[in-house]
Structure formats: C-alpha cells, structure tokens
Amino acid sequence: MTEVENSSAEMLDENELVEQAKTDPEAFGELYERYVTKIYNYIYYRTGNHHDAEDVTARVFQRALQHIPNYVNRGLPFSAWLYRIAHNLVVNWHRDRGRRKVVPLDDLPLGSLRADAPERITESREEQDLLLASIHALPDDRQQLLILKFVERFSNAEIGAIMGRSEGAIKSLYHRTLLALRSEIERKQEQNLSSKPSD
C-alpha cells in the first residue's frame, strides 16, 4: 500500500469512527485514546502547568463528547476540531487568570543533545535556552503557531482551521513570526554579550 493509500485508509477509518462516536461512547473512547496525549501536550505547552493542562484536557474531551453529534467533516483531520476546542479553552484559561503563560524552557523538545564534549553540551544548552527564551517572548498566537507547525507538524490549512484564520493569513503570520523570532534572538544575543564581564 502506498503512503497516500495508507493515509486515505487511516482517514476513512477515522471518519467511520467519528460517525460511530456520534451514538456510541466506546467509539468516542477510541478517539480519546488516539488524541488525548497530543491534546494534552499542546495544552501543556500553552499553559506551562501539568495540573492546569490535565484540567483543560479533560474539559476539551467533555466538550467534544457533548458536541460530537453536531460535528461535520470539512475535509480536515478530526484532530483539527479537537485542537480548535483546545485553543478556545486555553484562551479562556489565560483570560480567567489574567497572566502570561509560563512555559518551562527545559520541557520543550527541540532535539536531543549528543553525548559530546562538556563545552559542546554547554554551548548547545545555551543555544537551546536562547531559542526557547526568544520563543517565549513572542505573543501567544505566534507561540501557538510555532507549536502547531514544529511540534505537532500541522499544515498551514490545518493550523488555519485550528486558529480560525485563512491559510494565507497563516502563511503571512508564519513569515512575520520567523522575522520577529530572528530579531528577538539577535536582541538577546546582544544583551548577553553586553552583560558579560570584559577580560
């Protein structure tokens, strides 16, 4: 079976499962098992707190179970609908708390470090910390875009569906986000250089 055929078979299987889940809680349980970890990870990245991520994840699936009879397949993966619900609940979570989210920098996976010379490990760690601190300084919608693009590996169309924007708007936001990220990294590098004691 080719990759395209395999992908359509999985999609067909998912579509059938979604239709069954409209009347069968066991089928919904299968959807829950497939997606709970990804939805939890997404929410954790957005809240930076395990307890809140668990609470919001539970609410995502409660809301999905409540509204699945009204779900209409629009040609996107079912997970896009779940991410949209998660996005809305995370926005409410931030509004209710009235504070910026805190994402522990050590918890974001940006590639593993090789067992290398100690100075190389330290250098890699510093680069990682710089990148993560720069991402954390971006507005929430740009952080969300980067998570969906690089952690969840969604297409621009899927990200648009989750964030409630057109594919073109996502491409434009992505371009602006990369420029802003580069500027923030450069600003932090200059700040680090000026704060180092001179020999």
C-alpha atoms as a PDB file:
ATOM      1  CA  MET A   1       0.000   0.000   0.000  1.00  0.00           C
ATOM      2  CA  THR A   2       1.434   3.404  -0.914  1.00  0.00           C
ATOM      3  CA  GLU A   3       1.738   6.205   1.651  1.00  0.00           C
ATOM      4  CA  VAL A   4      -1.204   8.062   0.036  1.00  0.00           C
ATOM      5  CA  GLU A   5      -3.396   4.914   0.070  1.00  0.00           C
ATOM      6  CA  ASN A   6      -2.382   4.195   3.656  1.00  0.00           C
ATOM      7  CA  SER A   7      -3.216   7.786   4.668  1.00  0.00           C
ATOM      8  CA  SER A   8      -6.648   7.592   2.975  1.00  0.00           C
ATOM      9  CA  ALA A   9      -7.335   4.238   4.675  1.00  0.00           C
ATOM     10  CA  GLU A  10      -6.491   5.785   8.055  1.00  0.00           C
ATOM     11  CA  MET A  11      -8.651   8.835   7.268  1.00  0.00           C
ATOM     12  CA  LEU A  12     -11.556   6.614   6.202  1.00  0.00           C
ATOM     13  CA  ASP A  13     -11.134   4.610   9.388  1.00  0.00           C
ATOM     14  CA  GLU A  14     -11.128   7.857  11.407  1.00  0.00           C
ATOM     15  CA  ASN A  15     -14.204   9.191   9.587  1.00  0.00           C
ATOM     16  CA  GLU A  16     -16.092   5.952  10.264  1.00  0.00           C
ATOM     17  CA  LEU A  17     -15.029   6.057  13.902  1.00  0.00           C
ATOM     18  CA  VAL A  18     -16.227   9.668  14.243  1.00  0.00           C
ATOM     19  CA  GLU A  19     -19.619   8.719  12.773  1.00  0.00           C
ATOM     20  CA  GLN A  20     -19.881   5.803  15.219  1.00  0.00           C
ATOM     21  CA  ALA A  21     -18.845   8.062  18.115  1.00  0.00           C
ATOM     22  CA  LYS A  22     -21.903  10.245  17.500  1.00  0.00           C
ATOM     23  CA  THR A  23     -24.026   7.481  19.055  1.00  0.00           C
ATOM     24  CA  ASP A  24     -21.518   5.061  20.626  1.00  0.00           C
ATOM     25  CA  PRO A  25     -19.466   6.135  23.684  1.00  0.00           C
ATOM     26  CA  GLU A  26     -17.000   3.253  23.092  1.00  0.00           C
ATOM     27  CA  ALA A  27     -16.123   4.666  19.667  1.00  0.00           C
ATOM     28  CA  PHE A  28     -15.615   8.065  21.294  1.00  0.00           C
ATOM     29  CA  GLY A  29     -13.320   6.326  23.807  1.00  0.00           C
ATOM     30  CA  GLU A  30     -11.196   5.118  20.881  1.00  0.00           C
ATOM     31  CA  LEU A  31     -10.924   8.701  19.571  1.00  0.00           C
ATOM     32  CA  TYR A  32      -9.990   9.819  23.085  1.00  0.00           C
ATOM     33  CA  GLU A  33      -7.198   7.221  23.253  1.00  0.00           C
ATOM     34  CA  ARG A  34      -5.847   8.295  19.859  1.00  0.00           C
ATOM     35  CA  TYR A  35      -5.678  12.013  20.631  1.00  0.00           C
ATOM     36  CA  VAL A  36      -5.508  12.608  24.386  1.00  0.00           C
ATOM     37  CA  THR A  37      -1.686  12.692  24.553  1.00  0.00           C
ATOM     38  CA  LYS A  38      -1.319  15.155  21.660  1.00  0.00           C
ATOM     39  CA  ILE A  39      -4.065  17.425  23.000  1.00  0.00           C
ATOM     40  CA  TYR A  40      -2.566  17.283  26.497  1.00  0.00           C
ATOM     41  CA  ASN A  41       0.922  18.169  25.147  1.00  0.00           C
ATOM     42  CA  TYR A  42      -0.458  21.092  23.156  1.00  0.00           C
ATOM     43  CA  ILE A  43      -2.310  22.432  26.202  1.00  0.00           C
ATOM     44  CA  TYR A  44       0.711  21.898  28.438  1.00  0.00           C
ATOM     45  CA  TYR A  45       2.889  23.950  26.055  1.00  0.00           C
ATOM     46  CA  ARG A  46       0.284  26.710  26.196  1.00  0.00           C
ATOM     47  CA  THR A  47      -0.282  26.667  29.998  1.00  0.00           C
ATOM     48  CA  GLY A  48       3.127  25.519  31.286  1.00  0.00           C
ATOM     49  CA  ASN A  49       1.473  23.670  34.153  1.00  0.00           C
ATOM     50  CA  HIS A  50       0.665  19.936  34.436  1.00  0.00           C
ATOM     51  CA  HIS A  51      -2.331  20.390  36.737  1.00  0.00           C
ATOM     52  CA  ASP A  52      -3.996  23.008  34.512  1.00  0.00           C
ATOM     53  CA  ALA A  53      -3.131  21.021  31.370  1.00  0.00           C
ATOM     54  CA  GLU A  54      -4.869  17.948  32.803  1.00  0.00           C
ATOM     55  CA  ASP A  55      -7.923  20.004  33.782  1.00  0.00           C
ATOM     56  CA  VAL A  56      -8.222  21.759  30.399  1.00  0.00           C
ATOM     57  CA  THR A  57      -7.619  18.478  28.510  1.00  0.00           C
ATOM     58  CA  ALA A  58     -10.494  16.860  30.416  1.00  0.00           C
ATOM     59  CA  ARG A  59     -12.717  19.809  29.501  1.00  0.00           C
ATOM     60  CA  VAL A  60     -11.726  19.513  25.812  1.00  0.00           C
ATOM     61  CA  PHE A  61     -12.921  15.918  25.674  1.00  0.00           C
ATOM     62  CA  GLN A  62     -16.051  16.650  27.722  1.00  0.00           C
ATOM     63  CA  ARG A  63     -16.951  19.396  25.258  1.00  0.00           C
ATOM     64  CA  ALA A  64     -16.096  17.191  22.273  1.00  0.00           C
ATOM     65  CA  LEU A  65     -18.307  14.379  23.622  1.00  0.00           C
ATOM     66  CA  GLN A  66     -21.124  16.853  24.176  1.00  0.00           C
ATOM     67  CA  HIS A  67     -20.891  18.336  20.664  1.00  0.00           C
ATOM     68  CA  ILE A  68     -19.805  15.365  18.536  1.00  0.00           C
ATOM     69  CA  PRO A  69     -23.394  14.741  17.292  1.00  0.00           C
ATOM     70  CA  ASN A  70     -23.095  18.146  15.526  1.00  0.00           C
ATOM     71  CA  TYR A  71     -19.588  17.505  14.128  1.00  0.00           C
ATOM     72  CA  VAL A  72     -19.366  17.985  10.354  1.00  0.00           C
ATOM     73  CA  ASN A  73     -16.363  16.642   8.418  1.00  0.00           C
ATOM     74  CA  ARG A  74     -14.896  19.535   6.429  1.00  0.00           C
ATOM     75  CA  GLY A  75     -12.050  17.518   4.899  1.00  0.00           C
ATOM     76  CA  LEU A  76      -9.599  18.188   7.746  1.00  0.00           C
ATOM     77  CA  PRO A  77      -8.415  15.613  10.277  1.00  0.00           C
ATOM     78  CA  PHE A  78     -10.751  15.146  13.260  1.00  0.00           C
ATOM     79  CA  SER A  79      -7.856  16.294  15.460  1.00  0.00           C
ATOM     80  CA  ALA A  80      -8.123  19.805  13.942  1.00  0.00           C
ATOM     81  CA  TRP A  81     -11.580  20.080  15.534  1.00  0.00           C
ATOM     82  CA  LEU A  82     -10.155  18.938  18.891  1.00  0.00           C
ATOM     83  CA  TYR A  83      -7.296  21.450  18.644  1.00  0.00           C
ATOM     84  CA  ARG A  84      -9.815  24.206  17.891  1.00  0.00           C
ATOM     85  CA  ILE A  85     -11.735  23.331  21.066  1.00  0.00           C
ATOM     86  CA  ALA A  86      -8.421  23.201  22.976  1.00  0.00           C
ATOM     87  CA  HIS A  87      -7.392  26.587  21.565  1.00  0.00           C
ATOM     88  CA  ASN A  88     -10.665  28.194  22.698  1.00  0.00           C
ATOM     89  CA  LEU A  89     -10.393  26.711  26.196  1.00  0.00           C
ATOM     90  CA  VAL A  90      -6.749  27.799  26.532  1.00  0.00           C
ATOM     91  CA  VAL A  91      -7.723  31.355  25.510  1.00  0.00           C
ATOM     92  CA  ASN A  92     -10.409  31.272  28.224  1.00  0.00           C
ATOM     93  CA  TRP A  93      -7.874  29.863  30.693  1.00  0.00           C
ATOM     94  CA  HIS A  94      -5.491  32.783  30.037  1.00  0.00           C
ATOM     95  CA  ARG A  95      -8.298  35.335  30.214  1.00  0.00           C
ATOM     96  CA  ASP A  96      -9.545  33.884  33.526  1.00  0.00           C
ATOM     97  CA  ARG A  97      -6.094  34.026  35.058  1.00  0.00           C
ATOM     98  CA  GLY A  98      -5.128  37.401  33.632  1.00  0.00           C
ATOM     99  CA  ARG A  99      -1.480  36.489  33.418  1.00  0.00           C
ATOM    100  CA  ARG A 100       1.024  35.449  30.796  1.00  0.00           C
ATOM    101  CA  LYS A 101       1.671  31.780  30.479  1.00  0.00           C
ATOM    102  CA  VAL A 102       4.906  30.342  31.765  1.00  0.00           C
ATOM    103  CA  VAL A 103       6.443  27.546  29.726  1.00  0.00           C
ATOM    104  CA  PRO A 104       9.285  25.763  31.487  1.00  0.00           C
ATOM    105  CA  LEU A 105      12.098  26.032  28.972  1.00  0.00           C
ATOM    106  CA  ASP A 106      13.522  22.615  29.811  1.00  0.00           C
ATOM    107  CA  ASP A 107      10.270  20.889  28.848  1.00  0.00           C
ATOM    108  CA  LEU A 108      10.128  21.920  25.186  1.00  0.00           C
ATOM    109  CA  PRO A 109      11.747  19.290  22.940  1.00  0.00           C
ATOM    110  CA  LEU A 110      13.930  20.892  20.305  1.00  0.00           C
ATOM    111  CA  GLY A 111      16.124  17.926  19.531  1.00  0.00           C
ATOM    112  CA  SER A 112      18.277  15.809  21.752  1.00  0.00           C
ATOM    113  CA  LEU A 113      21.792  16.651  22.784  1.00  0.00           C
ATOM    114  CA  ARG A 114      24.519  14.215  21.793  1.00  0.00           C
ATOM    115  CA  ALA A 115      26.883  12.897  24.419  1.00  0.00           C
ATOM    116  CA  ASP A 116      29.707  15.174  23.414  1.00  0.00           C
ATOM    117  CA  ALA A 117      32.477  17.172  24.974  1.00  0.00           C
ATOM    118  CA  PRO A 118      31.237  19.167  28.020  1.00  0.00           C
ATOM    119  CA  GLU A 119      31.856  22.516  26.316  1.00  0.00           C
ATOM    120  CA  ARG A 120      29.767  21.412  23.285  1.00  0.00           C
ATOM    121  CA  ILE A 121      26.921  20.323  25.583  1.00  0.00           C
ATOM    122  CA  THR A 122      27.067  23.654  27.404  1.00  0.00           C
ATOM    123  CA  GLU A 123      27.103  25.548  24.108  1.00  0.00           C
ATOM    124  CA  SER A 124      24.134  23.536  22.785  1.00  0.00           C
ATOM    125  CA  ARG A 125      22.256  24.104  26.032  1.00  0.00           C
ATOM    126  CA  GLU A 126      22.885  27.847  25.846  1.00  0.00           C
ATOM    127  CA  GLU A 127      21.657  27.926  22.230  1.00  0.00           C
ATOM    128  CA  GLN A 128      18.559  25.960  23.217  1.00  0.00           C
ATOM    129  CA  ASP A 129      17.851  28.256  26.152  1.00  0.00           C
ATOM    130  CA  LEU A 130      18.305  31.315  23.939  1.00  0.00           C
ATOM    131  CA  LEU A 131      15.897  29.933  21.321  1.00  0.00           C
ATOM    132  CA  LEU A 132      13.280  28.956  23.898  1.00  0.00           C
ATOM    133  CA  ALA A 133      13.519  32.276  25.738  1.00  0.00           C
ATOM    134  CA  SER A 134      13.099  34.065  22.393  1.00  0.00           C
ATOM    135  CA  ILE A 135      10.030  31.958  21.521  1.00  0.00           C
ATOM    136  CA  HIS A 136       8.598  32.622  24.973  1.00  0.00           C
ATOM    137  CA  ALA A 137       8.942  36.384  24.373  1.00  0.00           C
ATOM    138  CA  LEU A 138       6.648  36.206  21.308  1.00  0.00           C
ATOM    139  CA  PRO A 139       2.895  36.915  21.554  1.00  0.00           C
ATOM    140  CA  ASP A 140       0.675  33.914  22.338  1.00  0.00           C
ATOM    141  CA  ASP A 141      -0.661  33.472  18.781  1.00  0.00           C
ATOM    142  CA  ARG A 142       2.888  33.265  17.417  1.00  0.00           C
ATOM    143  CA  GLN A 143       3.926  30.749  20.081  1.00  0.00           C
ATOM    144  CA  GLN A 144       0.845  28.704  19.204  1.00  0.00           C
ATOM    145  CA  LEU A 145       1.728  28.812  15.505  1.00  0.00           C
ATOM    146  CA  LEU A 146       5.256  27.529  16.204  1.00  0.00           C
ATOM    147  CA  ILE A 147       3.924  24.689  18.402  1.00  0.00           C
ATOM    148  CA  LEU A 148       1.394  23.608  15.768  1.00  0.00           C
ATOM    149  CA  LYS A 149       3.947  23.884  12.947  1.00  0.00           C
ATOM    150  CA  PHE A 150       7.051  22.316  14.503  1.00  0.00           C
ATOM    151  CA  VAL A 151       5.835  20.174  17.402  1.00  0.00           C
ATOM    152  CA  GLU A 152       2.511  18.933  16.008  1.00  0.00           C
ATOM    153  CA  ARG A 153       3.632  19.206  12.337  1.00  0.00           C
ATOM    154  CA  PHE A 154       0.310  20.534  11.016  1.00  0.00           C
ATOM    155  CA  SER A 155      -0.052  22.027   7.541  1.00  0.00           C
ATOM    156  CA  ASN A 156      -0.896  25.728   7.103  1.00  0.00           C
ATOM    157  CA  ALA A 157      -4.506  24.801   6.215  1.00  0.00           C
ATOM    158  CA  GLU A 158      -4.865  22.709   9.389  1.00  0.00           C
ATOM    159  CA  ILE A 159      -3.300  25.469  11.514  1.00  0.00           C
ATOM    160  CA  GLY A 160      -5.702  27.951   9.919  1.00  0.00           C
ATOM    161  CA  ALA A 161      -8.675  25.765  10.865  1.00  0.00           C
ATOM    162  CA  ILE A 162      -7.441  25.491  14.453  1.00  0.00           C
ATOM    163  CA  MET A 163      -6.647  29.196  14.835  1.00  0.00           C
ATOM    164  CA  GLY A 164      -9.701  30.411  12.915  1.00  0.00           C
ATOM    165  CA  ARG A 165      -7.702  32.078  10.119  1.00  0.00           C
ATOM    166  CA  SER A 166      -7.285  31.537   6.396  1.00  0.00           C
ATOM    167  CA  GLU A 167      -4.340  29.569   5.024  1.00  0.00           C
ATOM    168  CA  GLY A 168      -2.981  32.813   3.517  1.00  0.00           C
ATOM    169  CA  ALA A 169      -3.205  34.561   6.893  1.00  0.00           C
ATOM    170  CA  ILE A 170      -1.263  31.697   8.497  1.00  0.00           C
ATOM    171  CA  LYS A 171       1.483  31.922   5.831  1.00  0.00           C
ATOM    172  CA  SER A 172       1.749  35.658   6.482  1.00  0.00           C
ATOM    173  CA  LEU A 173       1.764  35.199  10.274  1.00  0.00           C
ATOM    174  CA  TYR A 174       4.409  32.462   9.922  1.00  0.00           C
ATOM    175  CA  HIS A 175       6.654  34.788   7.882  1.00  0.00           C
ATOM    176  CA  ARG A 176       6.231  37.629  10.405  1.00  0.00           C
ATOM    177  CA  THR A 177       6.810  35.199  13.292  1.00  0.00           C
ATOM    178  CA  LEU A 178      10.130  33.996  11.871  1.00  0.00           C
ATOM    179  CA  LEU A 179      11.286  37.604  11.348  1.00  0.00           C
ATOM    180  CA  ALA A 180      10.240  38.529  14.897  1.00  0.00           C
ATOM    181  CA  LEU A 181      11.943  35.426  16.276  1.00  0.00           C
ATOM    182  CA  ARG A 182      15.190  36.263  14.469  1.00  0.00           C
ATOM    183  CA  SER A 183      15.078  39.836  15.818  1.00  0.00           C
ATOM    184  CA  GLU A 184      14.395  38.591  19.343  1.00  0.00           C
ATOM    185  CA  ILE A 185      17.293  36.109  19.165  1.00  0.00           C
ATOM    186  CA  GLU A 186      19.638  38.857  17.924  1.00  0.00           C
ATOM    187  CA  ARG A 187      18.433  41.211  20.675  1.00  0.00           C
ATOM    188  CA  LYS A 188      19.012  38.562  23.356  1.00  0.00           C
ATOM    189  CA  GLN A 189      22.461  37.713  21.931  1.00  0.00           C
ATOM    190  CA  GLU A 190      23.481  41.394  22.091  1.00  0.00           C
ATOM    191  CA  GLN A 191      22.074  41.638  25.614  1.00  0.00           C
ATOM    192  CA  ASN A 192      24.083  38.567  26.667  1.00  0.00           C
ATOM    193  CA  LEU A 193      27.294  39.947  25.120  1.00  0.00           C
ATOM    194  CA  SER A 194      26.912  43.339  26.812  1.00  0.00           C
ATOM    195  CA  SER A 195      26.234  41.730  30.194  1.00  0.00           C
ATOM    196  CA  LYS A 196      29.385  39.528  30.103  1.00  0.00           C
ATOM    197  CA  PRO A 197      32.300  40.977  32.110  1.00  0.00           C
ATOM    198  CA  SER A 198      35.197  42.127  29.962  1.00  0.00           C
ATOM    199  CA  ASP A 199      38.599  40.466  30.489  1.00  0.00           C
END
